[in-house]
């Protein structure tokens, strides 16, 4: 009888961010950040990550605090603008709004940036992730007020800008080089989105 293949051992440093997050979550749930409670939470976290195996989330190995701050400010701006746009559409256009489900192929192969991009775009009013193709790094998004190809490409460009901001903040060096090459080529973000769309 053949044995099931052993799962690969995940290095402790790779698991460390998840363990820290689980310990903080444990303290928040109990509203108790005492040393004893956090220690107990750490023990439970180690048991959970070893008992319920998930593929590790690989970090990019770099963190740019300035780029992260720029992304955060840009994200808050997008949320504020989109909130007023959705309010205007609801009051003026009403049920005549045309919606669409768009596929946006990202640059990244990182589960972390793919997930972060999906969450960020979903938090901006007027858009919502309906499906994720992890193998193809593609997000499928439901979008408000898409009446033609021009609006669709503008929305795809916005998603790529959000992904680029996250890559600048904590993406890999290879992804950062790709973003710099694309934005330094003189093409607009809309042209990048159209080219990416053509390769799907």
C-alpha atoms as a PDB file:
ATOM      1  CA  UNK A   1       0.000   0.000   0.000  1.00  0.00           C
ATOM      2  CA  UNK A   2       1.405   3.356  -1.112  1.00  0.00           C
ATOM      3  CA  UNK A   3       1.820   6.096   1.441  1.00  0.00           C
ATOM      4  CA  UNK A   4       0.400   9.516   0.756  1.00  0.00           C
ATOM      5  CA  UNK A   5       3.137  11.980  -0.184  1.00  0.00           C
ATOM      6  CA  UNK A   6       4.325  14.030   2.760  1.00  0.00           C
ATOM      7  CA  UNK A   7       3.458  17.694   2.575  1.00  0.00           C
ATOM      8  CA  UNK A   8       6.439  20.033   2.296  1.00  0.00           C
ATOM      9  CA  UNK A   9       7.710  21.520   5.526  1.00  0.00           C
ATOM     10  CA  UNK A  10       7.015  25.260   5.657  1.00  0.00           C
ATOM     11  CA  UNK A  11       9.900  27.325   7.061  1.00  0.00           C
ATOM     12  CA  UNK A  12       9.129  29.038  10.353  1.00  0.00           C
ATOM     13  CA  UNK A  13       9.883  32.515   8.974  1.00  0.00           C
ATOM     14  CA  UNK A  14       7.326  31.937   6.211  1.00  0.00           C
ATOM     15  CA  UNK A  15       4.689  30.965   8.788  1.00  0.00           C
ATOM     16  CA  UNK A  16       5.606  33.751  11.228  1.00  0.00           C
ATOM     17  CA  UNK A  17       3.372  36.530   9.743  1.00  0.00           C
ATOM     18  CA  UNK A  18       0.364  34.197   9.817  1.00  0.00           C
ATOM     19  CA  UNK A  19       1.113  33.155  13.404  1.00  0.00           C
ATOM     20  CA  UNK A  20       1.432  36.774  14.529  1.00  0.00           C
ATOM     21  CA  UNK A  21      -1.854  37.632  12.819  1.00  0.00           C
ATOM     22  CA  UNK A  22      -3.635  34.701  14.481  1.00  0.00           C
ATOM     23  CA  UNK A  23      -2.280  35.661  17.914  1.00  0.00           C
ATOM     24  CA  UNK A  24      -3.471  39.264  17.466  1.00  0.00           C
ATOM     25  CA  UNK A  25      -6.837  37.991  16.253  1.00  0.00           C
ATOM     26  CA  UNK A  26      -7.080  35.749  19.321  1.00  0.00           C
ATOM     27  CA  UNK A  27      -6.396  38.692  21.618  1.00  0.00           C
ATOM     28  CA  UNK A  28      -8.942  40.854  19.798  1.00  0.00           C
ATOM     29  CA  UNK A  29     -11.648  38.192  20.003  1.00  0.00           C
ATOM     30  CA  UNK A  30     -11.148  37.818  23.765  1.00  0.00           C
ATOM     31  CA  UNK A  31     -10.454  41.541  24.215  1.00  0.00           C
ATOM     32  CA  UNK A  32      -7.522  40.475  26.354  1.00  0.00           C
ATOM     33  CA  UNK A  33      -3.947  41.230  25.330  1.00  0.00           C
ATOM     34  CA  UNK A  34      -2.327  39.999  28.520  1.00  0.00           C
ATOM     35  CA  UNK A  35       0.865  37.948  28.203  1.00  0.00           C
ATOM     36  CA  UNK A  36      -0.832  34.741  29.387  1.00  0.00           C
ATOM     37  CA  UNK A  37      -3.717  35.019  26.926  1.00  0.00           C
ATOM     38  CA  UNK A  38      -1.404  35.835  24.010  1.00  0.00           C
ATOM     39  CA  UNK A  39       0.853  32.902  24.918  1.00  0.00           C
ATOM     40  CA  UNK A  40      -2.161  30.593  24.919  1.00  0.00           C
ATOM     41  CA  UNK A  41      -3.208  32.099  21.586  1.00  0.00           C
ATOM     42  CA  UNK A  42       0.271  31.419  20.188  1.00  0.00           C
ATOM     43  CA  UNK A  43       0.029  27.744  21.199  1.00  0.00           C
ATOM     44  CA  UNK A  44      -3.391  27.429  19.558  1.00  0.00           C
ATOM     45  CA  UNK A  45      -2.087  29.206  16.431  1.00  0.00           C
ATOM     46  CA  UNK A  46       0.798  26.732  16.062  1.00  0.00           C
ATOM     47  CA  UNK A  47      -1.623  23.815  16.452  1.00  0.00           C
ATOM     48  CA  UNK A  48      -4.054  25.313  13.897  1.00  0.00           C
ATOM     49  CA  UNK A  49      -1.483  25.990  11.168  1.00  0.00           C
ATOM     50  CA  UNK A  50      -0.029  22.484  11.544  1.00  0.00           C
ATOM     51  CA  UNK A  51      -3.348  20.650  11.854  1.00  0.00           C
ATOM     52  CA  UNK A  52      -5.255  22.515   9.124  1.00  0.00           C
ATOM     53  CA  UNK A  53      -2.696  22.762   6.359  1.00  0.00           C
ATOM     54  CA  UNK A  54      -2.925  25.587   3.817  1.00  0.00           C
ATOM     55  CA  UNK A  55      -0.405  26.532   1.128  1.00  0.00           C
ATOM     56  CA  UNK A  56       1.951  29.171   2.526  1.00  0.00           C
ATOM     57  CA  UNK A  57       1.521  32.802   1.518  1.00  0.00           C
ATOM     58  CA  UNK A  58       4.890  33.793   0.098  1.00  0.00           C
ATOM     59  CA  UNK A  59       6.006  37.329   0.941  1.00  0.00           C
ATOM     60  CA  UNK A  60       7.905  39.424  -1.585  1.00  0.00           C
ATOM     61  CA  UNK A  61      10.875  39.963   0.706  1.00  0.00           C
ATOM     62  CA  UNK A  62      10.686  43.765   0.517  1.00  0.00           C
ATOM     63  CA  UNK A  63       8.610  46.531   2.090  1.00  0.00           C
ATOM     64  CA  UNK A  64       8.524  50.151   0.936  1.00  0.00           C
ATOM     65  CA  UNK A  65       6.821  52.227   3.632  1.00  0.00           C
ATOM     66  CA  UNK A  66       6.662  55.385   1.471  1.00  0.00           C
ATOM     67  CA  UNK A  67       5.015  53.509  -1.407  1.00  0.00           C
ATOM     68  CA  UNK A  68       2.602  51.945   1.103  1.00  0.00           C
ATOM     69  CA  UNK A  69       1.641  55.390   2.418  1.00  0.00           C
ATOM     70  CA  UNK A  70       1.098  56.661  -1.140  1.00  0.00           C
ATOM     71  CA  UNK A  71      -1.075  53.638  -1.900  1.00  0.00           C
ATOM     72  CA  UNK A  72      -3.123  54.189   1.259  1.00  0.00           C
ATOM     73  CA  UNK A  73      -3.764  57.861   0.446  1.00  0.00           C
ATOM     74  CA  UNK A  74      -4.644  57.010  -3.159  1.00  0.00           C
ATOM     75  CA  UNK A  75      -6.980  54.255  -1.986  1.00  0.00           C
ATOM     76  CA  UNK A  76      -8.803  56.604   0.426  1.00  0.00           C
ATOM     77  CA  UNK A  77      -9.162  59.129  -2.423  1.00  0.00           C
ATOM     78  CA  UNK A  78     -10.665  56.458  -4.725  1.00  0.00           C
ATOM     79  CA  UNK A  79     -13.107  55.376  -2.012  1.00  0.00           C
ATOM     80  CA  UNK A  80     -14.239  58.971  -1.428  1.00  0.00           C
ATOM     81  CA  UNK A  81     -14.671  59.770  -5.134  1.00  0.00           C
ATOM     82  CA  UNK A  82     -16.429  56.469  -5.894  1.00  0.00           C
ATOM     83  CA  UNK A  83     -18.830  56.981  -2.967  1.00  0.00           C
ATOM     84  CA  UNK A  84     -20.044  60.270  -4.453  1.00  0.00           C
ATOM     85  CA  UNK A  85     -20.206  58.749  -7.946  1.00  0.00           C
ATOM     86  CA  UNK A  86     -22.378  55.854  -6.738  1.00  0.00           C
ATOM     87  CA  UNK A  87     -24.615  58.298  -4.841  1.00  0.00           C
ATOM     88  CA  UNK A  88     -25.004  60.408  -7.980  1.00  0.00           C
ATOM     89  CA  UNK A  89     -25.805  57.378 -10.138  1.00  0.00           C
ATOM     90  CA  UNK A  90     -28.351  56.096  -7.615  1.00  0.00           C
ATOM     91  CA  UNK A  91     -30.152  59.462  -7.428  1.00  0.00           C
ATOM     92  CA  UNK A  92     -29.952  60.541 -11.072  1.00  0.00           C
ATOM     93  CA  UNK A  93     -29.732  57.366 -13.183  1.00  0.00           C
ATOM     94  CA  UNK A  94     -31.427  54.813 -10.948  1.00  0.00           C
ATOM     95  CA  UNK A  95     -32.261  51.411 -12.459  1.00  0.00           C
ATOM     96  CA  UNK A  96     -31.112  52.517 -15.936  1.00  0.00           C
ATOM     97  CA  UNK A  97     -27.473  51.971 -14.948  1.00  0.00           C
ATOM     98  CA  UNK A  98     -25.702  49.466 -17.210  1.00  0.00           C
ATOM     99  CA  UNK A  99     -23.459  47.019 -15.362  1.00  0.00           C
ATOM    100  CA  UNK A 100     -20.890  44.516 -16.565  1.00  0.00           C
ATOM    101  CA  UNK A 101     -18.713  41.641 -15.390  1.00  0.00           C
ATOM    102  CA  UNK A 102     -15.132  42.268 -16.496  1.00  0.00           C
ATOM    103  CA  UNK A 103     -12.057  40.057 -16.453  1.00  0.00           C
ATOM    104  CA  UNK A 104      -8.806  41.760 -15.444  1.00  0.00           C
ATOM    105  CA  UNK A 105      -5.547  39.848 -15.859  1.00  0.00           C
ATOM    106  CA  UNK A 106      -2.976  40.987 -13.317  1.00  0.00           C
ATOM    107  CA  UNK A 107       0.805  41.020 -13.577  1.00  0.00           C
ATOM    108  CA  UNK A 108       1.452  39.257 -10.291  1.00  0.00           C
ATOM    109  CA  UNK A 109       1.680  35.548  -9.569  1.00  0.00           C
ATOM    110  CA  UNK A 110       1.584  36.214  -5.812  1.00  0.00           C
ATOM    111  CA  UNK A 111      -1.488  35.015  -3.900  1.00  0.00           C
ATOM    112  CA  UNK A 112      -0.938  37.846  -1.417  1.00  0.00           C
ATOM    113  CA  UNK A 113      -1.041  40.669  -3.991  1.00  0.00           C
ATOM    114  CA  UNK A 114      -3.835  38.959  -5.942  1.00  0.00           C
ATOM    115  CA  UNK A 115      -5.927  38.793  -2.759  1.00  0.00           C
ATOM    116  CA  UNK A 116      -5.003  42.318  -1.649  1.00  0.00           C
ATOM    117  CA  UNK A 117      -5.925  43.739  -5.061  1.00  0.00           C
ATOM    118  CA  UNK A 118      -9.274  41.952  -4.986  1.00  0.00           C
ATOM    119  CA  UNK A 119     -10.050  43.212  -1.484  1.00  0.00           C
ATOM    120  CA  UNK A 120      -8.990  46.771  -2.312  1.00  0.00           C
ATOM    121  CA  UNK A 121     -11.121  46.980  -5.449  1.00  0.00           C
ATOM    122  CA  UNK A 122     -14.086  45.432  -3.613  1.00  0.00           C
ATOM    123  CA  UNK A 123     -13.845  48.098  -0.883  1.00  0.00           C
ATOM    124  CA  UNK A 124     -14.172  50.840  -3.494  1.00  0.00           C
ATOM    125  CA  UNK A 125     -17.932  51.438  -4.035  1.00  0.00           C
ATOM    126  CA  UNK A 126     -19.228  50.351  -7.431  1.00  0.00           C
ATOM    127  CA  UNK A 127     -17.177  47.190  -7.894  1.00  0.00           C
ATOM    128  CA  UNK A 128     -17.112  43.685  -6.425  1.00  0.00           C
ATOM    129  CA  UNK A 129     -15.035  40.564  -7.047  1.00  0.00           C
ATOM    130  CA  UNK A 130     -17.281  37.702  -8.187  1.00  0.00           C
ATOM    131  CA  UNK A 131     -14.595  35.141  -9.055  1.00  0.00           C
ATOM    132  CA  UNK A 132     -10.831  34.671  -8.907  1.00  0.00           C
ATOM    133  CA  UNK A 133      -8.781  32.565 -11.325  1.00  0.00           C
ATOM    134  CA  UNK A 134      -5.707  31.905  -9.211  1.00  0.00           C
ATOM    135  CA  UNK A 135      -3.865  29.931 -11.899  1.00  0.00           C
ATOM    136  CA  UNK A 136      -4.265  32.745 -14.432  1.00  0.00           C
ATOM    137  CA  UNK A 137      -3.997  35.654 -11.954  1.00  0.00           C
ATOM    138  CA  UNK A 138      -7.312  36.984 -13.228  1.00  0.00           C
ATOM    139  CA  UNK A 139     -10.028  38.807 -11.303  1.00  0.00           C
ATOM    140  CA  UNK A 140     -13.633  38.777 -12.486  1.00  0.00           C
ATOM    141  CA  UNK A 141     -15.397  41.894 -11.237  1.00  0.00           C
ATOM    142  CA  UNK A 142     -18.963  43.173 -11.277  1.00  0.00           C
ATOM    143  CA  UNK A 143     -18.826  46.885 -12.105  1.00  0.00           C
ATOM    144  CA  UNK A 144     -21.389  49.688 -12.103  1.00  0.00           C
ATOM    145  CA  UNK A 145     -21.903  52.141 -14.960  1.00  0.00           C
ATOM    146  CA  UNK A 146     -20.076  50.287 -17.731  1.00  0.00           C
ATOM    147  CA  UNK A 147     -21.847  51.372 -20.908  1.00  0.00           C
ATOM    148  CA  UNK A 148     -19.188  50.541 -23.489  1.00  0.00           C
ATOM    149  CA  UNK A 149     -15.614  49.454 -24.256  1.00  0.00           C
ATOM    150  CA  UNK A 150     -14.136  52.803 -23.189  1.00  0.00           C
ATOM    151  CA  UNK A 151     -15.553  52.572 -19.659  1.00  0.00           C
ATOM    152  CA  UNK A 152     -14.505  48.911 -19.459  1.00  0.00           C
ATOM    153  CA  UNK A 153     -10.879  49.704 -20.338  1.00  0.00           C
ATOM    154  CA  UNK A 154     -10.837  52.639 -17.904  1.00  0.00           C
ATOM    155  CA  UNK A 155     -11.974  50.319 -15.118  1.00  0.00           C
ATOM    156  CA  UNK A 156      -9.360  47.693 -16.018  1.00  0.00           C
ATOM    157  CA  UNK A 157      -6.731  50.445 -15.938  1.00  0.00           C
ATOM    158  CA  UNK A 158      -7.851  51.436 -12.436  1.00  0.00           C
ATOM    159  CA  UNK A 159      -7.465  47.835 -11.229  1.00  0.00           C
ATOM    160  CA  UNK A 160      -3.967  47.668 -12.726  1.00  0.00           C
ATOM    161  CA  UNK A 161      -3.056  50.945 -10.991  1.00  0.00           C
ATOM    162  CA  UNK A 162      -4.187  49.478  -7.654  1.00  0.00           C
ATOM    163  CA  UNK A 163      -2.124  46.348  -8.285  1.00  0.00           C
ATOM    164  CA  UNK A 164       0.875  48.491  -9.251  1.00  0.00           C
ATOM    165  CA  UNK A 165       0.575  50.437  -5.989  1.00  0.00           C
ATOM    166  CA  UNK A 166       0.591  47.221  -3.987  1.00  0.00           C
ATOM    167  CA  UNK A 167       3.569  45.892  -5.956  1.00  0.00           C
ATOM    168  CA  UNK A 168       5.485  49.100  -5.252  1.00  0.00           C
ATOM    169  CA  UNK A 169       4.694  48.684  -1.550  1.00  0.00           C
ATOM    170  CA  UNK A 170       5.560  45.003  -1.031  1.00  0.00           C
ATOM    171  CA  UNK A 171       5.805  43.131  -4.334  1.00  0.00           C
ATOM    172  CA  UNK A 172       8.814  41.147  -5.446  1.00  0.00           C
ATOM    173  CA  UNK A 173      11.765  42.803  -7.179  1.00  0.00           C
ATOM    174  CA  UNK A 174      10.778  41.084 -10.440  1.00  0.00           C
ATOM    175  CA  UNK A 175       7.211  42.443 -10.254  1.00  0.00           C
ATOM    176  CA  UNK A 176       8.512  45.913  -9.385  1.00  0.00           C
ATOM    177  CA  UNK A 177      10.824  45.842 -12.413  1.00  0.00           C
ATOM    178  CA  UNK A 178       7.871  44.851 -14.618  1.00  0.00           C
ATOM    179  CA  UNK A 179       5.755  47.738 -13.302  1.00  0.00           C
ATOM    180  CA  UNK A 180       8.596  50.227 -13.805  1.00  0.00           C
ATOM    181  CA  UNK A 181       9.175  48.941 -17.342  1.00  0.00           C
ATOM    182  CA  UNK A 182       5.487  49.248 -18.232  1.00  0.00           C
ATOM    183  CA  UNK A 183       5.043  52.716 -16.754  1.00  0.00           C
ATOM    184  CA  UNK A 184       8.357  53.889 -18.210  1.00  0.00           C
ATOM    185  CA  UNK A 185       7.452  52.741 -21.720  1.00  0.00           C
ATOM    186  CA  UNK A 186       5.364  55.852 -22.407  1.00  0.00           C
ATOM    187  CA  UNK A 187       2.137  53.878 -22.802  1.00  0.00           C
ATOM    188  CA  UNK A 188      -0.952  54.957 -20.904  1.00  0.00           C
ATOM    189  CA  UNK A 189      -2.462  52.633 -18.329  1.00  0.00           C
ATOM    190  CA  UNK A 190      -5.449  52.162 -20.637  1.00  0.00           C
ATOM    191  CA  UNK A 191      -3.129  50.953 -23.420  1.00  0.00           C
ATOM    192  CA  UNK A 192      -1.487  48.530 -20.970  1.00  0.00           C
ATOM    193  CA  UNK A 193      -4.907  47.181 -20.016  1.00  0.00           C
ATOM    194  CA  UNK A 194      -5.874  46.761 -23.669  1.00  0.00           C
ATOM    195  CA  UNK A 195      -2.644  44.912 -24.413  1.00  0.00           C
ATOM    196  CA  UNK A 196      -3.103  42.678 -21.409  1.00  0.00           C
ATOM    197  CA  UNK A 197      -6.705  42.058 -22.478  1.00  0.00           C
ATOM    198  CA  UNK A 198      -5.526  41.097 -25.967  1.00  0.00           C
ATOM    199  CA  UNK A 199      -3.186  38.422 -24.546  1.00  0.00           C
ATOM    200  CA  UNK A 200      -5.954  36.705 -22.520  1.00  0.00           C
END
